[in-house]
């Protein structure tokens, strides 16, 4: 998700800079096999139904030495999103950036 500057304008991460993005997996995540899904949703035409564009990649990861948490809420793909969800059917021309609601279930706090 882009950052927002002091004027509430979106500031997008550098394109074509080939920088590594780091993510932290919660220490509470139990041992096991997981599907890691990284997703970018292009919203430039998303003011029209079924015009958001999804770009994603998935990887199977194994967690060892994990914790005793209970991850949730869980989501199934397909079916985690609807084309009418606020973060998918959205007009970026009229939306205040801080009002954008990413689609999908809540993020587990771990």
N, C-alpha and C. Protein backbone atom coordinates (compact mmCIF):
# COMPACT_ATOMS: atom_id res chain seq x y z
N UNK A 1 0.85 -1.16 0.00
CA UNK A 1 0.00 0.00 0.00
C UNK A 1 0.90 1.23 0.00
N UNK A 2 0.54 2.22 -0.78
CA UNK A 2 1.36 3.43 -0.81
C UNK A 2 1.26 4.21 0.48
N UNK A 3 2.25 5.04 0.70
CA UNK A 3 2.23 5.95 1.84
C UNK A 3 1.44 7.20 1.45
N UNK A 4 1.19 8.06 2.42
CA UNK A 4 0.48 9.30 2.16
C UNK A 4 1.32 10.45 2.69
N UNK A 5 1.45 11.51 1.89
CA UNK A 5 2.24 12.65 2.33
C UNK A 5 1.39 13.61 3.15
N UNK A 6 1.98 14.73 3.58
CA UNK A 6 1.29 15.68 4.45
C UNK A 6 0.08 16.32 3.77
N UNK A 7 0.01 16.28 2.44
CA UNK A 7 -1.13 16.82 1.70
C UNK A 7 -2.17 15.77 1.36
N UNK A 8 -2.03 14.59 1.96
CA UNK A 8 -2.93 13.46 1.73
C UNK A 8 -2.91 13.00 0.28
N UNK A 9 -1.74 13.08 -0.34
CA UNK A 9 -1.54 12.56 -1.69
C UNK A 9 -0.80 11.22 -1.57
N UNK A 10 -1.14 10.30 -2.44
CA UNK A 10 -0.48 9.00 -2.41
C UNK A 10 0.96 9.12 -2.90
N UNK A 11 1.85 8.45 -2.20
CA UNK A 11 3.25 8.38 -2.58
C UNK A 11 3.55 6.90 -2.83
N UNK A 12 3.79 6.56 -4.09
CA UNK A 12 3.97 5.16 -4.47
C UNK A 12 5.42 4.73 -4.28
N UNK A 13 5.63 3.48 -3.90
CA UNK A 13 7.00 2.96 -3.81
C UNK A 13 7.68 3.08 -5.17
N UNK A 14 9.00 3.18 -5.16
CA UNK A 14 9.75 3.31 -6.41
C UNK A 14 9.48 2.15 -7.36
N UNK A 15 9.25 2.47 -8.60
CA UNK A 15 9.03 1.45 -9.61
C UNK A 15 10.35 1.15 -10.31
N UNK A 16 10.53 -0.09 -10.68
CA UNK A 16 11.71 -0.54 -11.42
C UNK A 16 13.01 -0.30 -10.67
N UNK A 17 12.95 -0.24 -9.37
CA UNK A 17 14.16 -0.06 -8.56
C UNK A 17 14.68 -1.40 -8.05
N UNK A 18 13.88 -2.44 -8.17
CA UNK A 18 14.28 -3.80 -7.79
C UNK A 18 14.79 -3.87 -6.36
N UNK A 19 14.05 -3.25 -5.48
CA UNK A 19 14.40 -3.29 -4.06
C UNK A 19 13.73 -4.49 -3.41
N UNK A 20 14.37 -5.01 -2.39
CA UNK A 20 13.82 -6.12 -1.63
C UNK A 20 12.83 -5.58 -0.61
N UNK A 21 11.70 -6.26 -0.49
CA UNK A 21 10.71 -5.91 0.52
C UNK A 21 10.79 -6.97 1.61
N UNK A 22 10.86 -6.53 2.84
CA UNK A 22 10.92 -7.46 3.97
C UNK A 22 9.58 -7.53 4.66
N UNK A 23 9.24 -8.70 5.16
CA UNK A 23 8.02 -8.90 5.93
C UNK A 23 8.37 -9.75 7.14
N UNK A 24 7.69 -9.49 8.23
CA UNK A 24 7.92 -10.25 9.46
C UNK A 24 6.77 -11.21 9.68
N UNK A 25 7.08 -12.45 9.91
CA UNK A 25 6.07 -13.44 10.27
C UNK A 25 6.02 -13.49 11.79
N UNK A 26 4.82 -13.36 12.33
CA UNK A 26 4.64 -13.30 13.77
C UNK A 26 5.27 -14.50 14.48
N UNK A 27 5.92 -14.24 15.60
CA UNK A 27 6.52 -15.31 16.41
C UNK A 27 5.46 -16.28 16.93
N UNK A 28 4.20 -15.84 16.97
CA UNK A 28 3.11 -16.70 17.43
C UNK A 28 2.62 -17.69 16.39
N UNK A 29 3.11 -17.60 15.17
CA UNK A 29 2.66 -18.50 14.10
C UNK A 29 3.12 -19.93 14.40
N UNK A 30 2.18 -20.87 14.48
CA UNK A 30 2.57 -22.25 14.78
C UNK A 30 3.33 -22.91 13.63
N UNK A 31 4.11 -23.93 13.97
CA UNK A 31 4.80 -24.72 12.95
C UNK A 31 3.78 -25.23 11.93
N UNK A 32 4.21 -25.34 10.70
CA UNK A 32 3.34 -25.92 9.69
C UNK A 32 3.65 -25.41 8.30
N UNK A 33 2.85 -25.89 7.37
CA UNK A 33 2.94 -25.50 5.96
C UNK A 33 1.94 -24.38 5.71
N UNK A 34 2.38 -23.34 5.02
CA UNK A 34 1.53 -22.18 4.76
C UNK A 34 1.68 -21.76 3.30
N UNK A 35 0.63 -21.15 2.79
CA UNK A 35 0.67 -20.53 1.47
C UNK A 35 0.87 -19.04 1.68
N UNK A 36 1.97 -18.52 1.20
CA UNK A 36 2.25 -17.09 1.27
C UNK A 36 1.79 -16.48 -0.04
N UNK A 37 0.85 -15.56 0.02
CA UNK A 37 0.29 -14.92 -1.18
C UNK A 37 0.66 -13.44 -1.15
N UNK A 38 1.36 -13.01 -2.17
CA UNK A 38 1.72 -11.60 -2.33
C UNK A 38 0.92 -11.09 -3.51
N UNK A 39 0.27 -9.94 -3.31
CA UNK A 39 -0.71 -9.49 -4.29
C UNK A 39 -0.61 -8.00 -4.53
N UNK A 40 -0.79 -7.62 -5.77
CA UNK A 40 -0.90 -6.21 -6.16
C UNK A 40 -2.21 -6.10 -6.92
N UNK A 41 -3.03 -5.12 -6.55
CA UNK A 41 -4.29 -4.90 -7.25
C UNK A 41 -4.20 -3.56 -7.96
N UNK A 42 -4.26 -3.59 -9.29
CA UNK A 42 -4.26 -2.35 -10.07
C UNK A 42 -5.67 -1.78 -10.06
N UNK A 43 -5.81 -0.57 -9.56
CA UNK A 43 -7.13 0.03 -9.36
C UNK A 43 -7.43 1.17 -10.32
N UNK A 44 -6.62 1.35 -11.34
CA UNK A 44 -6.81 2.50 -12.23
C UNK A 44 -8.12 2.45 -13.01
N UNK A 45 -8.73 1.30 -13.16
CA UNK A 45 -10.04 1.17 -13.83
C UNK A 45 -11.09 0.61 -12.87
N UNK A 46 -10.80 0.60 -11.59
CA UNK A 46 -11.65 -0.08 -10.61
C UNK A 46 -12.95 0.64 -10.29
N UNK A 47 -13.19 1.79 -10.92
CA UNK A 47 -14.47 2.45 -10.70
C UNK A 47 -15.58 1.75 -11.50
N UNK A 48 -15.20 0.79 -12.35
CA UNK A 48 -16.14 -0.02 -13.10
C UNK A 48 -16.08 -1.45 -12.57
N UNK A 49 -17.24 -2.08 -12.45
CA UNK A 49 -17.29 -3.45 -11.93
C UNK A 49 -16.42 -4.38 -12.76
N UNK A 50 -15.70 -5.25 -12.08
CA UNK A 50 -14.85 -6.28 -12.69
C UNK A 50 -13.69 -5.73 -13.50
N UNK A 51 -13.25 -4.51 -13.20
CA UNK A 51 -12.13 -3.91 -13.94
C UNK A 51 -10.85 -3.83 -13.11
N UNK A 52 -10.91 -4.12 -11.81
CA UNK A 52 -9.67 -4.19 -11.02
C UNK A 52 -8.83 -5.33 -11.58
N UNK A 53 -7.52 -5.13 -11.61
CA UNK A 53 -6.62 -6.13 -12.16
C UNK A 53 -5.75 -6.71 -11.04
N UNK A 54 -5.72 -8.03 -10.95
CA UNK A 54 -4.99 -8.71 -9.88
C UNK A 54 -3.70 -9.31 -10.42
N UNK A 55 -2.61 -9.01 -9.73
CA UNK A 55 -1.30 -9.58 -10.05
C UNK A 55 -0.79 -10.22 -8.77
N UNK A 56 -0.54 -11.50 -8.80
CA UNK A 56 -0.16 -12.17 -7.57
C UNK A 56 0.85 -13.27 -7.82
N UNK A 57 1.46 -13.66 -6.74
CA UNK A 57 2.37 -14.80 -6.75
C UNK A 57 2.19 -15.51 -5.40
N UNK A 58 2.28 -16.82 -5.42
CA UNK A 58 2.15 -17.60 -4.19
C UNK A 58 3.39 -18.47 -4.01
N UNK A 59 3.68 -18.76 -2.76
CA UNK A 59 4.81 -19.62 -2.44
C UNK A 59 4.43 -20.48 -1.24
N UNK A 60 4.80 -21.73 -1.29
CA UNK A 60 4.59 -22.62 -0.14
C UNK A 60 5.76 -22.42 0.81
N UNK A 61 5.47 -22.10 2.06
CA UNK A 61 6.53 -21.91 3.05
C UNK A 61 6.31 -22.85 4.23
N UNK A 62 7.38 -23.19 4.90
CA UNK A 62 7.34 -24.05 6.08
C UNK A 62 7.82 -23.24 7.27
N UNK A 63 7.02 -23.21 8.33
CA UNK A 63 7.38 -22.53 9.57
C UNK A 63 7.86 -23.59 10.55
N UNK A 64 9.06 -23.40 11.10
CA UNK A 64 9.59 -24.27 12.15
C UNK A 64 10.00 -23.39 13.32
N UNK A 65 9.96 -23.93 14.51
CA UNK A 65 10.31 -23.15 15.70
C UNK A 65 9.29 -22.07 15.99
N UNK A 66 8.05 -22.31 15.56
CA UNK A 66 7.00 -21.31 15.71
C UNK A 66 6.39 -21.28 17.09
N UNK A 67 5.31 -20.53 17.19
CA UNK A 67 4.64 -20.32 18.46
C UNK A 67 3.38 -21.14 18.59
N UNK A 68 2.52 -20.72 19.51
CA UNK A 68 1.31 -21.47 19.81
C UNK A 68 0.05 -20.67 19.50
N UNK A 69 0.16 -19.67 18.64
CA UNK A 69 -1.01 -18.86 18.28
C UNK A 69 -1.99 -19.63 17.42
N UNK A 70 -3.15 -19.03 17.22
CA UNK A 70 -4.18 -19.59 16.36
C UNK A 70 -4.49 -18.57 15.27
N UNK A 71 -3.86 -18.70 14.10
CA UNK A 71 -4.08 -17.72 13.04
C UNK A 71 -5.54 -17.66 12.61
N UNK A 72 -5.98 -16.48 12.28
CA UNK A 72 -7.34 -16.28 11.80
C UNK A 72 -7.63 -14.80 11.72
N UNK A 73 -8.64 -14.40 11.02
CA UNK A 73 -9.56 -15.27 10.29
C UNK A 73 -8.88 -15.86 9.06
N UNK A 74 -9.35 -17.04 8.67
CA UNK A 74 -8.80 -17.72 7.50
C UNK A 74 -9.59 -17.33 6.26
N UNK A 75 -8.96 -17.43 5.11
CA UNK A 75 -9.61 -17.09 3.84
C UNK A 75 -9.36 -18.20 2.84
N UNK A 76 -10.31 -18.40 1.96
CA UNK A 76 -10.16 -19.37 0.87
C UNK A 76 -10.07 -18.62 -0.45
N UNK A 77 -9.17 -19.10 -1.31
CA UNK A 77 -9.10 -18.54 -2.66
C UNK A 77 -9.47 -19.65 -3.62
N UNK A 78 -10.40 -19.47 -4.45
CA UNK A 78 -11.14 -18.25 -4.68
C UNK A 78 -12.25 -18.10 -3.64
N UNK A 79 -12.82 -16.91 -3.58
CA UNK A 79 -13.92 -16.66 -2.67
C UNK A 79 -13.62 -15.68 -1.57
N UNK A 80 -12.37 -15.29 -1.39
CA UNK A 80 -12.02 -14.35 -0.32
C UNK A 80 -12.50 -12.94 -0.63
N UNK A 81 -12.65 -12.61 -1.90
CA UNK A 81 -13.09 -11.28 -2.32
C UNK A 81 -14.35 -11.39 -3.16
N UNK A 82 -15.11 -10.30 -3.16
CA UNK A 82 -16.22 -10.14 -4.10
C UNK A 82 -15.90 -8.93 -4.97
N UNK A 83 -16.37 -8.92 -6.20
CA UNK A 83 -16.08 -7.80 -7.10
C UNK A 83 -16.67 -6.49 -6.60
N UNK A 84 -17.61 -6.56 -5.66
CA UNK A 84 -18.23 -5.35 -5.11
C UNK A 84 -17.60 -4.89 -3.80
N UNK A 85 -16.56 -5.58 -3.31
CA UNK A 85 -15.90 -5.17 -2.07
C UNK A 85 -15.36 -3.76 -2.20
N UNK A 86 -15.40 -2.97 -1.11
CA UNK A 86 -14.97 -1.56 -1.18
C UNK A 86 -13.54 -1.37 -1.67
N UNK A 87 -12.64 -2.28 -1.42
CA UNK A 87 -11.26 -2.13 -1.87
C UNK A 87 -11.03 -2.60 -3.29
N UNK A 88 -12.07 -3.13 -3.94
CA UNK A 88 -11.95 -3.63 -5.31
C UNK A 88 -12.78 -2.79 -6.27
N UNK A 89 -13.99 -2.44 -5.90
CA UNK A 89 -14.82 -1.53 -6.68
C UNK A 89 -14.67 -0.16 -6.03
N UNK A 90 -13.77 0.64 -6.56
CA UNK A 90 -13.40 1.89 -5.90
C UNK A 90 -13.02 2.93 -6.96
N UNK A 91 -13.41 4.16 -6.72
CA UNK A 91 -13.05 5.25 -7.63
C UNK A 91 -11.92 6.04 -7.00
N UNK A 92 -10.72 5.86 -7.49
CA UNK A 92 -9.56 6.55 -6.93
C UNK A 92 -9.57 8.05 -7.19
N UNK A 93 -10.40 8.49 -8.13
CA UNK A 93 -10.48 9.92 -8.43
C UNK A 93 -11.21 10.69 -7.34
N UNK A 94 -12.10 10.01 -6.62
CA UNK A 94 -12.90 10.70 -5.60
C UNK A 94 -12.59 10.24 -4.17
N UNK A 95 -11.86 9.15 -4.02
CA UNK A 95 -11.58 8.59 -2.70
C UNK A 95 -10.42 9.32 -2.02
N UNK A 96 -10.60 9.67 -0.77
CA UNK A 96 -9.49 10.18 0.03
C UNK A 96 -8.58 8.99 0.33
N UNK A 97 -7.28 9.13 0.10
CA UNK A 97 -6.37 7.97 0.27
C UNK A 97 -6.47 7.28 1.62
N UNK A 98 -6.67 8.04 2.69
CA UNK A 98 -6.73 7.39 4.00
C UNK A 98 -8.07 6.69 4.24
N UNK A 99 -8.99 6.77 3.29
CA UNK A 99 -10.28 6.09 3.42
C UNK A 99 -10.29 4.75 2.68
N UNK A 100 -9.21 4.42 1.99
CA UNK A 100 -9.16 3.16 1.24
C UNK A 100 -9.18 1.98 2.21
N UNK A 101 -10.02 1.00 1.91
CA UNK A 101 -10.14 -0.21 2.73
C UNK A 101 -9.63 -1.39 1.90
N UNK A 102 -8.49 -1.98 2.26
CA UNK A 102 -8.00 -3.14 1.51
C UNK A 102 -9.00 -4.29 1.58
N UNK A 103 -9.16 -5.04 0.49
CA UNK A 103 -10.10 -6.15 0.51
C UNK A 103 -9.58 -7.33 1.33
N UNK A 104 -10.49 -8.21 1.67
CA UNK A 104 -10.10 -9.44 2.37
C UNK A 104 -10.35 -9.38 3.85
N UNK A 105 -10.05 -10.48 4.51
CA UNK A 105 -10.28 -10.55 5.96
C UNK A 105 -9.28 -9.69 6.73
N UNK A 106 -9.56 -9.50 7.99
CA UNK A 106 -8.64 -8.76 8.86
C UNK A 106 -7.30 -9.47 8.93
N UNK A 107 -6.25 -8.72 9.15
CA UNK A 107 -4.91 -9.30 9.29
C UNK A 107 -4.76 -9.82 10.72
N UNK A 108 -4.29 -11.05 10.84
CA UNK A 108 -4.07 -11.65 12.16
C UNK A 108 -2.99 -10.88 12.89
N UNK A 109 -3.24 -10.52 14.13
CA UNK A 109 -2.27 -9.73 14.90
C UNK A 109 -1.17 -10.60 15.50
N UNK A 110 -1.36 -11.90 15.53
CA UNK A 110 -0.32 -12.82 15.96
C UNK A 110 -0.02 -12.79 17.40
